Amino acid sequence: MTEITIAAVQFTSGNDIDANLARMVELIDAGADAGADLVVFQEFTNHPCYYSSPDHVWQSAIHENGPYVQTLGERARERGVYVSFNATVRRAWPTVEDQNFLISSTGEVVLTSQKQILMGSEQDYFAPGRSEAQLVDTEFGRIGLMSCMEGLIPETPRVLAVKGADLILNSLSSNGIDEAHTHIPVRAAENGVFVVSANRSGPLVDAVDMDGLAVKLGFDTSKLQGGGESQVVAPDGESLVRAQPFRDDLVVTTIDLASARPEDLLAGRRPECYALLAADPDQLAEHLAARPEQARELTVATVTPQPGQAVDDALREALQRCEEVDADLIVLPELFAWQVGDLAGTEASGTAAEAQRAIDALVEVAGRKRRHIVAGVPVAREDGLANSAVLIGPTGLLSTYDQVHVHPDDQTWASPGSEFVVADLPFGRLGLMLGNDLAYPESARILSLKGADLIACPMTWRRPWESRLGAPERAAENHVSVVVAARADSASPAPSTILAVPGEYRFPATGEVNMPDRFDAADSGQPHVRRIDLAPSRDKRLMRRTDLLAHRQPHLYTSLTEVADLVGASTSTQEAIAR
């Protein structure tokens, strides 16, 4: 049986632990009455994440095997449902952890996980989890757990997916609307799995503490409300059901876990290229030490030739646009002068000659206009062609990046690369990414770990979620600006876009925890030009307390880099590895 009916629950909890527990019992009943097999609760069910002292943190936490868990287990057994929840758990004094629980329909705790990445003031209260994310096999499918901040960066959900998760349960206590609308859906889409998020509703703290917290933080109380919008997200990133914002609610839907991984993007991963994901801090420091002393403002532009042209005509149009536009960096689309799908079966030498003419022409323009240009071109390699991005500057060809994640449609003609490329330029460090790479969070992550201040991505949009979720997430999860120049004839039509890291800390005034400024091209036939500042890309702090890169736990990500250890991978993933 792979079908499962899920109830995602959000409720207002306060400082009274017994009252919170009683409310959860009522909501388990409500979920069971609605036909749920699994009831999913929010983060911090026992007590809001606000404390007066270390002793208060300790006294508010529960025992891992104590009455709180036992009561929920008994109710799960009585109603024949699985129950997922989060609570703070006591360890040896004064250690407290933020822990997720999954209780089976027999009343037993079958899976726990400790929050690995803490957000903001949570670092004052809790110890981060030090164990790699795990899964449990159930009669419905394979389930994994994570909490809030773990969904704002890609590693924890990726580990769960690589290990074979069909369903990821995410407990939240957040007032950020971007979690519901971007960060959670993208984890479902990029991993091809179902994700259930249960978020807090009502005040983030007990009413008695609200005014004091508002004064302390300098925020209006209206900004300190749990956002709700608990949801079940399908593997394509679309929400199947979503609860009301900012109010108590329960939503129910039935899903079939056999439909996870419809495309199986995991099969296209290149673990042998991901060593930096699990590198120790000293290795990462070496990359950062060598980059330009500072990043600065620059003008960026995307130029998109009209589709359906012959190579020489498309090149001519692109050169004219590059002549006209006044920008420090110009980005052209993937295979900017070639027709998608036309390279299969062509003579490699002839295509390579066309590409070299295009590169030479772009070099001439870049030299004369004193500009940098990134363009997607097919490049000759020993075994044929590579789908590549070239970086051209005033002095000539500076770098070439061969696409690491080659789309299945291109594998008949394109040989994959094996290294992610960065280059130091007058305005900062530039990373190169290309087309299908954007669907893989490893790509932008490694470029950011290498110190990229800006990522240029010649693009063909192939999946509906890539423009809506993927591009902004790559900028957000790494605090790096991204320029995407998209083909006008992309399979999934969407404009070119420029995503810039904001220059100021704006949460919670905007209602978004972590989102870039987005500027979409209004007309694909005209250059899209923006002035952006790369200096904010150097600051990886979120909520002033959590660093998106420095607070990662690389020792927990070895599953992402070790091909042989993908024990839980889907059949197609294993077959791809074997090849």
Protein backbone atom coordinates (compact mmCIF):
# COMPACT_ATOMS: atom_id res chain seq x y z
CA MET A 1 0.00 0.00 0.00
CA THR A 2 1.54 3.29 -1.08
CA GLU A 3 -1.45 5.59 -0.70
CA ILE A 4 -1.49 7.63 2.48
CA THR A 5 -3.93 10.24 3.78
CA ILE A 6 -2.17 13.07 5.58
CA ALA A 7 -3.47 15.75 7.93
CA ALA A 8 -1.22 18.82 8.23
CA VAL A 9 -2.07 20.63 11.47
CA GLN A 10 -1.32 24.13 12.73
CA PHE A 11 -2.36 25.48 16.09
CA THR A 12 -1.52 28.25 18.55
CA SER A 13 0.55 26.97 21.45
CA GLY A 14 1.64 28.82 24.58
CA ASN A 15 3.68 28.38 27.73
CA ASP A 16 1.27 25.84 29.28
CA ILE A 17 2.80 22.52 28.22
CA ASP A 18 -0.14 20.45 29.49
CA ALA A 19 -2.62 22.61 27.57
CA ASN A 20 -0.55 22.24 24.40
CA LEU A 21 -0.52 18.47 24.83
CA ALA A 22 -4.27 18.33 25.39
CA ARG A 23 -4.83 20.35 22.23
CA MET A 24 -2.62 17.97 20.24
CA VAL A 25 -4.66 14.99 21.45
CA GLU A 26 -7.82 16.74 20.24
CA LEU A 27 -6.21 17.43 16.86
CA ILE A 28 -5.06 13.82 16.48
CA ASP A 29 -8.69 12.87 16.92
CA ALA A 30 -9.75 15.49 14.37
CA GLY A 31 -7.21 14.18 11.86
CA ALA A 32 -8.22 10.57 12.44
CA ASP A 33 -11.90 11.49 12.09
CA ALA A 34 -11.04 13.07 8.73
CA GLY A 35 -9.54 9.76 7.57
CA ALA A 36 -5.85 10.56 8.10
CA ASP A 37 -3.23 7.84 8.30
CA LEU A 38 -0.63 10.41 9.40
CA VAL A 39 -1.09 13.60 11.45
CA VAL A 40 1.77 16.11 11.14
CA PHE A 41 2.35 18.83 13.74
CA GLN A 42 4.50 21.95 13.83
CA GLU A 43 7.79 22.79 15.51
CA PHE A 44 8.01 23.59 19.24
CA THR A 45 4.69 21.99 20.15
CA ASN A 46 5.59 21.88 23.83
CA HIS A 47 6.63 25.51 24.30
CA PRO A 48 7.25 28.57 22.12
CA CYS A 49 10.89 29.31 21.35
CA TYR A 50 11.22 32.16 23.84
CA TYR A 51 12.83 31.83 27.27
CA SER A 52 13.97 33.92 30.20
CA SER A 53 16.96 31.82 31.29
CA PRO A 54 18.81 28.52 30.70
CA ASP A 55 16.75 27.01 33.51
CA HIS A 56 13.58 28.09 31.74
CA VAL A 57 14.78 26.34 28.57
CA TRP A 58 15.50 23.20 30.58
CA GLN A 59 12.25 23.16 32.55
CA SER A 60 10.17 23.70 29.41
CA ALA A 61 11.78 20.79 27.57
CA ILE A 62 10.36 17.28 27.66
CA HIS A 63 11.93 13.92 28.39
CA GLU A 64 12.46 11.88 25.26
CA ASN A 65 10.59 8.93 26.76
CA GLY A 66 8.46 10.87 29.22
CA PRO A 67 4.71 11.47 29.68
CA TYR A 68 4.44 13.95 26.77
CA VAL A 69 5.64 11.41 24.22
CA GLN A 70 3.82 8.55 25.93
CA THR A 71 0.49 10.40 25.80
CA LEU A 72 0.84 11.09 22.10
CA GLY A 73 1.90 7.50 21.50
CA GLU A 74 -1.14 6.18 23.30
CA ARG A 75 -3.45 8.38 21.26
CA ALA A 76 -1.73 7.35 18.01
CA ARG A 77 -2.25 3.69 18.94
CA GLU A 78 -5.87 4.22 19.98
CA ARG A 79 -6.71 6.00 16.70
CA GLY A 80 -4.48 3.83 14.49
CA VAL A 81 -2.56 6.77 12.99
CA TYR A 82 1.03 7.87 12.63
CA VAL A 83 1.88 11.13 14.40
CA SER A 84 4.77 13.46 13.64
CA PHE A 85 5.66 16.35 15.94
CA ASN A 86 8.54 18.46 17.21
CA ALA A 87 9.48 19.36 20.76
CA THR A 88 12.48 20.50 22.76
CA VAL A 89 14.16 17.58 24.55
CA ARG A 90 16.36 17.49 27.67
CA ARG A 91 19.75 15.88 27.57
CA ALA A 92 22.40 16.12 30.28
CA TRP A 93 22.16 19.53 31.95
CA PRO A 94 22.12 22.10 30.44
CA THR A 95 21.84 20.63 26.95
CA VAL A 96 18.50 20.84 25.16
CA GLU A 97 17.87 19.81 21.55
CA ASP A 98 15.14 20.63 19.06
CA GLN A 99 13.88 17.18 18.09
CA ASN A 100 11.42 15.70 15.61
CA PHE A 101 9.48 12.54 16.42
CA LEU A 102 7.56 10.07 14.29
CA ILE A 103 5.23 7.76 16.19
CA SER A 104 3.75 4.74 14.40
CA SER A 105 0.14 3.61 14.51
CA THR A 106 1.21 1.10 17.18
CA GLY A 107 2.24 3.95 19.48
CA GLU A 108 6.01 3.41 19.15
CA VAL A 109 8.55 6.10 18.33
CA VAL A 110 10.02 4.80 15.07
CA LEU A 111 12.16 7.78 14.04
CA THR A 112 13.71 10.87 15.58
CA SER A 113 15.94 13.63 14.25
CA GLN A 114 17.68 16.54 15.92
CA LYS A 115 17.68 19.91 14.20
CA GLN A 116 21.10 20.36 12.59
CA ILE A 117 20.92 24.03 11.62
CA LEU A 118 19.70 26.47 14.26
CA MET A 119 18.22 29.84 13.41
CA GLY A 120 18.86 33.09 15.24
CA SER A 121 18.26 32.96 19.00
CA GLU A 122 17.83 29.17 18.87
CA GLN A 123 21.61 29.10 19.14
CA ASP A 124 21.28 30.59 22.62
CA TYR A 125 18.95 27.82 23.73
CA PHE A 126 19.72 24.56 21.94
CA ALA A 127 22.56 22.33 20.85
CA PRO A 128 22.59 21.47 17.13
CA GLY A 129 22.04 17.89 16.09
CA ARG A 130 25.22 15.97 15.28
CA SER A 131 23.78 12.91 13.55
CA GLU A 132 23.17 12.45 9.84
CA ALA A 133 19.54 12.53 8.79
CA GLN A 134 17.90 9.10 8.74
CA LEU A 135 14.79 7.46 7.31
CA VAL A 136 12.27 4.87 8.37
CA ASP A 137 10.47 2.36 6.19
CA THR A 138 6.72 2.27 6.70
CA GLU A 139 3.90 0.37 5.03
CA PHE A 140 3.29 3.49 2.90
CA GLY A 141 6.87 4.30 1.89
CA ARG A 142 10.12 5.71 3.21
CA ILE A 143 9.78 8.79 5.47
CA GLY A 144 12.31 11.38 6.70
CA LEU A 145 12.10 14.31 9.15
CA MET A 146 13.48 17.84 9.23
CA SER A 147 12.83 21.19 10.90
CA CYS A 148 12.35 24.74 9.59
CA MET A 149 15.88 26.11 8.96
CA GLU A 150 16.94 22.76 7.52
CA GLY A 151 14.62 23.51 4.61
CA LEU A 152 16.16 26.93 3.98
CA ILE A 153 19.37 25.30 2.81
CA PRO A 154 19.56 22.26 0.54
CA GLU A 155 21.75 19.72 2.34
CA THR A 156 19.47 18.02 4.88
CA PRO A 157 16.53 17.39 2.52
CA ARG A 158 19.03 16.32 -0.15
CA VAL A 159 20.57 13.73 2.17
CA LEU A 160 17.09 12.38 2.91
CA ALA A 161 16.24 12.22 -0.79
CA VAL A 162 19.53 10.55 -1.72
CA LYS A 163 18.88 7.93 0.94
CA GLY A 164 15.58 7.15 -0.72
CA ALA A 165 12.92 9.26 0.99
CA ASP A 166 9.50 9.25 -0.64
CA LEU A 167 8.06 11.68 1.89
CA ILE A 168 9.74 14.37 4.00
CA LEU A 169 7.94 15.84 7.02
CA ASN A 170 8.97 19.40 7.88
CA SER A 171 8.05 21.00 11.20
CA LEU A 172 8.06 24.80 11.21
CA SER A 173 7.68 27.74 13.56
CA SER A 174 7.94 30.59 11.11
CA ASN A 175 6.41 33.91 10.18
CA GLY A 176 8.06 33.95 6.76
CA ILE A 177 5.68 33.64 3.80
CA ASP A 178 8.61 32.67 1.58
CA GLU A 179 8.98 29.38 3.42
CA ALA A 180 5.50 28.33 2.35
CA HIS A 181 5.75 29.71 -1.18
CA THR A 182 9.36 29.04 -2.17
CA HIS A 183 11.69 27.19 0.21
CA ILE A 184 9.40 24.26 0.98
CA PRO A 185 8.04 23.69 -2.55
CA VAL A 186 11.52 23.78 -4.09
CA ARG A 187 12.71 20.97 -1.81
CA ALA A 188 9.93 18.80 -3.16
CA ALA A 189 10.64 19.72 -6.79
CA GLU A 190 14.43 19.45 -6.84
CA ASN A 191 14.31 16.08 -5.05
CA GLY A 192 11.18 14.71 -6.72
CA VAL A 193 9.56 13.80 -3.40
CA PHE A 194 6.46 14.72 -1.43
CA VAL A 195 6.97 17.26 1.36
CA VAL A 196 4.55 17.97 4.18
CA SER A 197 5.08 21.14 6.16
CA ALA A 198 3.25 21.94 9.38
CA ASN A 199 3.73 25.50 10.56
CA ARG A 200 2.75 27.33 13.69
CA SER A 201 -0.22 29.69 13.67
CA GLY A 202 -1.03 32.57 15.99
CA PRO A 203 1.55 34.46 18.09
CA LEU A 204 5.08 33.07 17.98
CA VAL A 205 5.24 33.39 21.77
CA ASP A 206 2.74 33.25 24.59
CA ALA A 207 0.58 36.35 24.89
CA VAL A 208 2.23 37.19 28.21
CA ASP A 209 5.62 37.51 26.50
CA MET A 210 4.52 39.20 23.27
CA ASP A 211 4.86 42.87 24.21
CA GLY A 212 8.27 42.35 25.79
CA LEU A 213 9.56 40.48 22.75
CA ALA A 214 8.26 43.14 20.38
CA VAL A 215 10.08 45.85 22.34
CA LYS A 216 13.26 43.76 22.54
CA LEU A 217 13.34 43.10 18.79
CA GLY A 218 11.92 46.42 17.71
CA PHE A 219 9.14 44.76 15.69
CA ASP A 220 5.42 45.34 15.72
CA THR A 221 3.49 42.43 17.24
CA SER A 222 1.70 41.92 13.94
CA LYS A 223 5.02 40.73 12.52
CA LEU A 224 5.48 38.12 15.24
CA GLN A 225 2.74 35.75 14.13
CA GLY A 226 3.14 32.17 12.94
CA GLY A 227 2.46 32.20 9.22
CA GLY A 228 0.46 28.97 9.06
CA GLU A 229 -0.07 27.79 5.46
CA SER A 230 0.71 24.21 6.40
CA GLN A 231 0.67 22.18 3.21
CA VAL A 232 1.32 19.02 1.26
CA VAL A 233 3.57 19.58 -1.75
CA ALA A 234 3.79 17.25 -4.73
CA PRO A 235 7.07 16.21 -6.41
CA ASP A 236 6.59 18.91 -9.06
CA GLY A 237 6.64 21.65 -6.42
CA GLU A 238 2.89 22.34 -6.58
CA SER A 239 0.91 22.56 -3.37
CA LEU A 240 -1.87 19.95 -3.27
CA VAL A 241 -3.56 21.45 -0.23
CA ARG A 242 -2.66 24.45 1.91
CA ALA A 243 -4.03 25.69 5.24
CA GLN A 244 -5.08 29.24 6.00
CA PRO A 245 -2.41 31.80 6.90
CA PHE A 246 -2.04 33.01 10.49
CA ARG A 247 -4.88 30.96 12.01
CA ASP A 248 -5.47 27.49 13.44
CA ASP A 249 -6.35 25.02 10.73
CA LEU A 250 -6.15 21.40 9.61
CA VAL A 251 -5.99 20.26 5.99
CA VAL A 252 -6.22 16.72 4.66
CA THR A 253 -5.29 15.10 1.36
CA THR A 254 -4.43 11.66 0.00
CA ILE A 255 -1.24 11.03 -1.95
CA ASP A 256 0.38 8.01 -3.57
CA LEU A 257 4.04 7.70 -2.60
CA ALA A 258 4.62 5.44 -5.58
CA SER A 259 4.44 8.60 -7.72
CA ALA A 260 7.52 10.13 -6.05
CA ARG A 261 10.50 10.85 -8.33
CA PRO A 262 8.47 11.13 -11.59
CA GLU A 263 11.58 12.33 -13.45
CA ASP A 264 14.14 11.06 -10.97
CA LEU A 265 16.45 14.04 -11.03
CA LEU A 266 18.59 12.18 -8.51
CA ALA A 267 19.74 9.92 -11.32
CA GLY A 268 21.48 12.92 -12.88
CA ARG A 269 23.51 13.79 -9.81
CA ARG A 270 27.32 13.69 -10.09
CA PRO A 271 28.52 12.76 -6.57
CA GLU A 272 32.10 12.41 -7.78
CA CYS A 273 32.07 16.16 -8.49
CA TYR A 274 30.70 17.20 -5.08
CA ALA A 275 33.67 16.71 -2.74
CA LEU A 276 33.52 20.34 -1.61
CA LEU A 277 30.08 19.79 -0.05
CA ALA A 278 31.67 17.69 2.68
CA ALA A 279 34.98 19.60 2.87
CA ASP A 280 36.23 20.87 6.20
CA PRO A 281 36.30 24.63 6.93
CA ASP A 282 40.05 24.91 6.27
CA GLN A 283 39.58 23.72 2.68
CA LEU A 284 36.82 26.23 2.14
CA ALA A 285 38.89 29.03 3.63
CA GLU A 286 41.52 28.48 0.94
CA HIS A 287 39.00 29.31 -1.77
CA LEU A 288 37.83 32.45 -0.02
CA ALA A 289 41.30 33.74 0.75
CA ALA A 290 42.23 33.99 -2.93
CA ARG A 291 39.24 35.93 -4.21
CA PRO A 292 39.24 39.70 -4.90
CA GLU A 293 39.50 41.81 -1.77
CA GLN A 294 36.04 43.22 -2.28
CA ALA A 295 32.98 42.86 -4.46
CA ARG A 296 31.43 45.98 -5.93
CA GLU A 297 28.60 47.34 -8.04
CA LEU A 298 28.30 46.51 -11.71
CA THR A 299 25.79 46.69 -14.53
CA VAL A 300 24.59 43.29 -15.76
CA ALA A 301 22.52 42.52 -18.84
CA THR A 302 20.91 39.54 -20.52
CA VAL A 303 20.73 39.35 -24.31
CA THR A 304 18.45 36.81 -25.98
CA PRO A 305 18.51 36.34 -29.78
CA GLN A 306 15.17 35.59 -31.41
CA PRO A 307 14.58 31.84 -31.82
CA GLY A 308 14.44 29.89 -35.05
CA GLN A 309 17.36 31.60 -36.76
CA ALA A 310 20.34 30.11 -38.55
CA VAL A 311 23.55 30.15 -36.52
CA ASP A 312 25.08 33.08 -38.42
CA ASP A 313 21.89 35.14 -38.13
CA ALA A 314 21.54 34.51 -34.40
CA LEU A 315 25.20 35.37 -33.92
CA ARG A 316 24.78 38.57 -35.88
CA GLU A 317 21.84 39.63 -33.71
CA ALA A 318 23.69 38.77 -30.51
CA LEU A 319 26.76 40.75 -31.57
CA GLN A 320 24.64 43.77 -32.41
CA ARG A 321 22.95 43.65 -28.99
CA CYS A 322 26.30 43.28 -27.23
CA GLU A 323 27.53 46.32 -29.13
CA GLU A 324 24.53 48.41 -28.12
CA VAL A 325 24.05 47.52 -24.47
CA ASP A 326 26.14 49.35 -21.89
CA ALA A 327 26.98 46.75 -19.24
CA ASP A 328 29.99 45.39 -17.38
CA LEU A 329 28.73 41.82 -17.81
CA ILE A 330 26.50 40.50 -20.60
CA VAL A 331 25.02 36.99 -20.37
CA LEU A 332 23.69 35.12 -23.42
CA PRO A 333 21.48 31.99 -23.22
CA GLU A 334 22.43 28.33 -23.39
CA LEU A 335 23.47 27.41 -26.97
CA PHE A 336 22.56 30.99 -27.83
CA ALA A 337 22.95 30.64 -31.61
CA TRP A 338 21.96 26.99 -32.00
CA GLN A 339 18.62 25.22 -32.05
CA VAL A 340 17.90 23.01 -29.06
CA GLY A 341 17.83 19.40 -30.21
CA ASP A 342 19.59 20.06 -33.53
CA LEU A 343 23.06 19.06 -32.33
CA ALA A 344 22.31 15.35 -31.99
CA GLY A 345 23.78 13.52 -34.98
CA THR A 346 25.61 16.54 -36.37
CA GLU A 347 29.25 16.52 -37.37
CA ALA A 348 31.16 17.59 -34.26
CA SER A 349 33.95 19.26 -36.21
CA GLY A 350 31.52 21.44 -38.15
CA THR A 351 29.68 22.50 -35.00
CA ALA A 352 32.97 23.20 -33.25
CA ALA A 353 34.05 25.41 -36.13
CA GLU A 354 30.80 27.38 -35.89
CA ALA A 355 31.31 27.77 -32.16
CA GLN A 356 34.86 28.99 -32.61
CA ARG A 357 33.70 31.66 -35.06
CA ALA A 358 31.12 32.78 -32.51
CA ILE A 359 33.71 32.88 -29.71
CA ASP A 360 36.15 34.85 -31.89
CA ALA A 361 33.45 37.37 -32.75
CA LEU A 362 32.46 37.80 -29.10
CA VAL A 363 36.13 38.21 -28.15
CA GLU A 364 36.42 41.04 -30.66
CA VAL A 365 33.38 42.86 -29.26
CA ALA A 366 34.44 42.34 -25.64
CA GLY A 367 37.91 43.67 -26.39
CA ARG A 368 36.72 46.72 -28.26
CA LYS A 369 33.90 47.58 -25.81
CA ARG A 370 35.85 46.58 -22.66
CA ARG A 371 33.16 44.21 -21.46
CA HIS A 372 32.77 40.73 -20.05
CA ILE A 373 30.50 38.27 -21.85
CA VAL A 374 29.21 34.84 -20.82
CA ALA A 375 27.66 32.74 -23.58
CA GLY A 376 26.42 29.18 -23.97
CA VAL A 377 28.17 27.40 -26.88
CA PRO A 378 29.04 23.83 -27.95
CA VAL A 379 32.77 23.28 -27.46
CA ALA A 380 34.95 20.59 -29.04
CA ARG A 381 36.34 17.90 -26.73
CA GLU A 382 38.30 14.70 -27.37
CA ASP A 383 35.16 12.59 -27.30
CA GLY A 384 32.97 15.00 -29.25
CA LEU A 385 31.26 18.11 -27.93
CA ALA A 386 30.48 19.62 -24.55
CA ASN A 387 27.57 21.90 -23.70
CA SER A 388 29.63 24.78 -22.39
CA ALA A 389 29.61 28.33 -21.09
CA VAL A 390 32.50 30.56 -22.12
CA LEU A 391 33.65 33.61 -20.17
CA ILE A 392 35.14 36.28 -22.40
CA GLY A 393 36.77 39.49 -21.23
CA PRO A 394 38.57 42.48 -22.72
CA THR A 395 41.75 40.36 -23.00
CA GLY A 396 40.09 37.36 -24.69
CA LEU A 397 38.73 33.97 -23.63
CA LEU A 398 39.15 33.72 -19.85
CA SER A 399 37.40 30.47 -18.83
CA THR A 400 35.32 27.64 -20.22
CA TYR A 401 32.88 25.63 -18.16
CA ASP A 402 31.59 22.27 -19.43
CA GLN A 403 28.13 21.50 -18.07
CA VAL A 404 28.32 19.00 -15.21
CA HIS A 405 24.63 17.98 -15.20
CA VAL A 406 23.83 17.18 -18.82
CA HIS A 407 20.11 16.89 -19.50
CA PRO A 408 19.03 13.44 -20.76
CA ASP A 409 17.91 15.02 -24.06
CA ASP A 410 21.46 16.27 -24.64
CA GLN A 411 23.39 13.17 -23.63
CA THR A 412 23.47 11.91 -27.24
CA TRP A 413 25.86 14.70 -28.19
CA ALA A 414 27.22 16.40 -25.05
CA SER A 415 29.97 14.99 -22.85
CA PRO A 416 29.72 16.07 -19.19
CA GLY A 417 32.26 18.21 -17.43
CA SER A 418 33.58 17.45 -13.97
CA GLU A 419 34.51 20.78 -12.37
CA PHE A 420 32.60 23.89 -11.33
CA VAL A 421 34.39 27.02 -12.54
CA VAL A 422 34.90 30.42 -10.91
CA ALA A 423 36.90 33.38 -12.19
CA ASP A 424 38.13 36.54 -10.50
CA LEU A 425 37.04 39.69 -12.33
CA PRO A 426 37.30 43.42 -11.55
CA PHE A 427 33.89 43.46 -9.84
CA GLY A 428 34.29 40.23 -7.82
CA ARG A 429 34.35 36.46 -8.25
CA LEU A 430 32.08 35.05 -10.97
CA GLY A 431 30.76 31.48 -11.00
CA LEU A 432 29.52 29.72 -14.14
CA MET A 433 26.45 27.51 -14.27
CA LEU A 434 24.55 26.26 -17.29
CA GLY A 435 21.00 25.17 -18.04
CA ASN A 436 20.18 21.87 -16.37
CA ASP A 437 22.69 22.64 -13.59
CA LEU A 438 20.13 24.98 -12.05
CA ALA A 439 17.86 22.05 -11.15
CA TYR A 440 20.65 20.65 -8.96
CA PRO A 441 21.28 22.58 -5.72
CA GLU A 442 24.82 21.19 -5.62
CA SER A 443 25.84 23.43 -8.54
CA ALA A 444 25.22 26.85 -7.03
CA ARG A 445 26.22 25.57 -3.60
CA ILE A 446 29.69 24.53 -4.75
CA LEU A 447 30.18 27.79 -6.65
CA SER A 448 29.27 29.67 -3.47
CA LEU A 449 31.62 27.54 -1.38
CA LYS A 450 34.29 28.48 -3.91
CA GLY A 451 33.58 32.13 -3.13
CA ALA A 452 31.36 33.21 -6.02
CA ASP A 453 29.83 36.67 -5.54
CA LEU A 454 27.77 36.34 -8.71
CA ILE A 455 26.62 33.36 -10.77
CA ALA A 456 26.01 33.67 -14.50
CA CYS A 457 23.69 31.01 -15.90
CA PRO A 458 22.96 30.68 -19.64
CA MET A 459 19.62 28.86 -19.52
CA THR A 460 16.98 26.79 -21.24
CA TRP A 461 13.96 26.55 -18.94
CA ARG A 462 12.90 22.90 -19.13
CA ARG A 463 10.66 22.51 -16.05
CA PRO A 464 7.89 24.85 -14.85
CA TRP A 465 9.34 25.04 -11.34
CA GLU A 466 12.84 26.14 -12.40
CA SER A 467 11.95 29.79 -13.00
CA ARG A 468 9.34 30.07 -10.24
CA LEU A 469 11.25 28.24 -7.51
CA GLY A 470 14.70 27.09 -8.62
CA ALA A 471 16.32 30.35 -9.70
CA PRO A 472 15.27 32.42 -6.65
CA GLU A 473 16.19 29.57 -4.33
CA ARG A 474 19.72 29.27 -5.72
CA ALA A 475 20.20 32.95 -4.93
CA ALA A 476 18.49 32.77 -1.53
CA GLU A 477 20.04 29.62 -0.09
CA ASN A 478 23.55 30.88 -0.91
CA HIS A 479 23.10 34.65 -0.53
CA VAL A 480 24.59 35.08 -4.00
CA SER A 481 23.36 37.17 -6.92
CA VAL A 482 22.38 35.21 -10.03
CA VAL A 483 21.92 36.30 -13.65
CA VAL A 484 19.90 33.90 -15.81
CA ALA A 485 19.76 34.50 -19.57
CA ALA A 486 17.05 32.22 -20.93
CA ARG A 487 16.29 31.09 -24.46
CA ALA A 488 13.12 32.58 -25.88
CA ASP A 489 12.10 29.11 -27.11
CA SER A 490 12.54 27.34 -23.78
CA ALA A 491 10.41 24.23 -23.34
CA SER A 492 8.87 25.84 -20.26
CA PRO A 493 8.56 29.51 -21.30
CA ALA A 494 9.76 32.06 -18.75
CA PRO A 495 11.76 35.28 -18.98
CA SER A 496 15.41 35.90 -18.30
CA THR A 497 15.87 37.12 -14.77
CA ILE A 498 18.34 38.92 -12.52
CA LEU A 499 18.31 37.99 -8.83
CA ALA A 500 20.19 40.26 -6.45
CA VAL A 501 21.02 39.82 -2.77
CA PRO A 502 19.38 42.73 -0.91
CA GLY A 503 21.72 45.29 0.56
CA GLU A 504 19.83 45.47 3.83
CA TYR A 505 18.27 43.18 6.37
CA ARG A 506 14.52 43.40 5.82
CA PHE A 507 12.89 40.57 7.79
CA PRO A 508 10.25 40.61 9.22
CA ALA A 509 9.08 43.90 7.67
CA THR A 510 8.68 42.24 4.26
CA GLY A 511 7.25 39.02 5.65
CA GLU A 512 10.07 37.10 3.94
CA VAL A 513 12.87 35.37 5.81
CA ASN A 514 15.29 35.16 2.91
CA MET A 515 14.50 36.15 -0.66
CA PRO A 516 16.48 37.96 -3.35
CA ASP A 517 15.29 40.98 -5.26
CA ARG A 518 13.98 39.64 -8.55
CA PHE A 519 13.98 41.52 -11.86
CA ASP A 520 12.41 39.66 -14.79
CA ALA A 521 12.93 40.71 -18.39
CA ALA A 522 9.80 42.36 -19.77
CA ASP A 523 10.65 41.64 -23.41
CA SER A 524 12.87 38.74 -24.50
CA GLY A 525 13.72 40.62 -27.68
CA GLN A 526 15.37 43.47 -25.83
CA PRO A 527 18.40 43.48 -23.51
CA HIS A 528 17.48 43.26 -19.84
CA VAL A 529 19.75 45.59 -17.85
CA ARG A 530 20.13 46.15 -14.08
CA ARG A 531 22.61 47.77 -11.78
CA ILE A 532 23.41 45.48 -8.84
CA ASP A 533 25.78 45.56 -5.90
CA LEU A 534 27.76 42.38 -5.20
CA ALA A 535 28.97 43.47 -1.76
CA PRO A 536 25.91 41.95 0.01
CA SER A 537 26.83 38.56 -1.48
CA ARG A 538 29.82 38.49 0.85
CA ASP A 539 27.53 38.47 3.91
CA LYS A 540 26.06 34.99 4.34
CA ARG A 541 24.28 35.76 7.60
CA LEU A 542 20.57 35.09 7.93
CA MET A 543 18.60 36.78 10.69
CA ARG A 544 21.94 38.28 11.80
CA ARG A 545 22.73 35.09 13.73
CA THR A 546 22.79 32.22 11.27
CA ASP A 547 25.37 31.95 8.50
CA LEU A 548 24.11 30.04 5.47
CA LEU A 549 27.56 28.63 4.76
CA ALA A 550 29.55 28.75 8.00
CA HIS A 551 26.84 27.00 10.04
CA ARG A 552 26.58 24.06 7.68
CA GLN A 553 27.68 20.70 9.12
CA PRO A 554 29.79 19.15 6.33
CA HIS A 555 30.54 15.98 8.27
CA LEU A 556 26.83 15.13 8.00
CA TYR A 557 26.79 15.42 4.20
CA THR A 558 29.05 12.54 3.18
CA SER A 559 26.07 10.74 1.63
CA LEU A 560 26.02 13.51 -0.96
CA THR A 561 29.57 12.76 -2.10
CA GLU A 562 30.00 9.00 -1.74
CA VAL A 563 28.55 7.21 -4.74
CA ALA A 564 28.86 3.76 -3.21
CA ASP A 565 26.85 4.74 -0.14
CA LEU A 566 23.58 5.54 -1.86
CA VAL A 567 21.94 2.54 -0.30
CA GLY A 568 18.46 4.00 -0.34
CA ALA A 569 18.55 5.47 -3.81
CA SER A 570 15.79 4.70 -6.24
CA THR A 571 16.28 2.01 -8.87
CA SER A 572 16.89 4.49 -11.68
CA THR A 573 19.47 6.31 -9.56
CA GLN A 574 21.32 3.06 -8.91
CA GLU A 575 21.20 2.18 -12.59
CA ALA A 576 22.63 5.56 -13.52
CA ILE A 577 25.47 5.11 -11.04
CA ALA A 578 26.21 1.65 -12.42
CA ARG A 579 26.55 3.09 -15.89
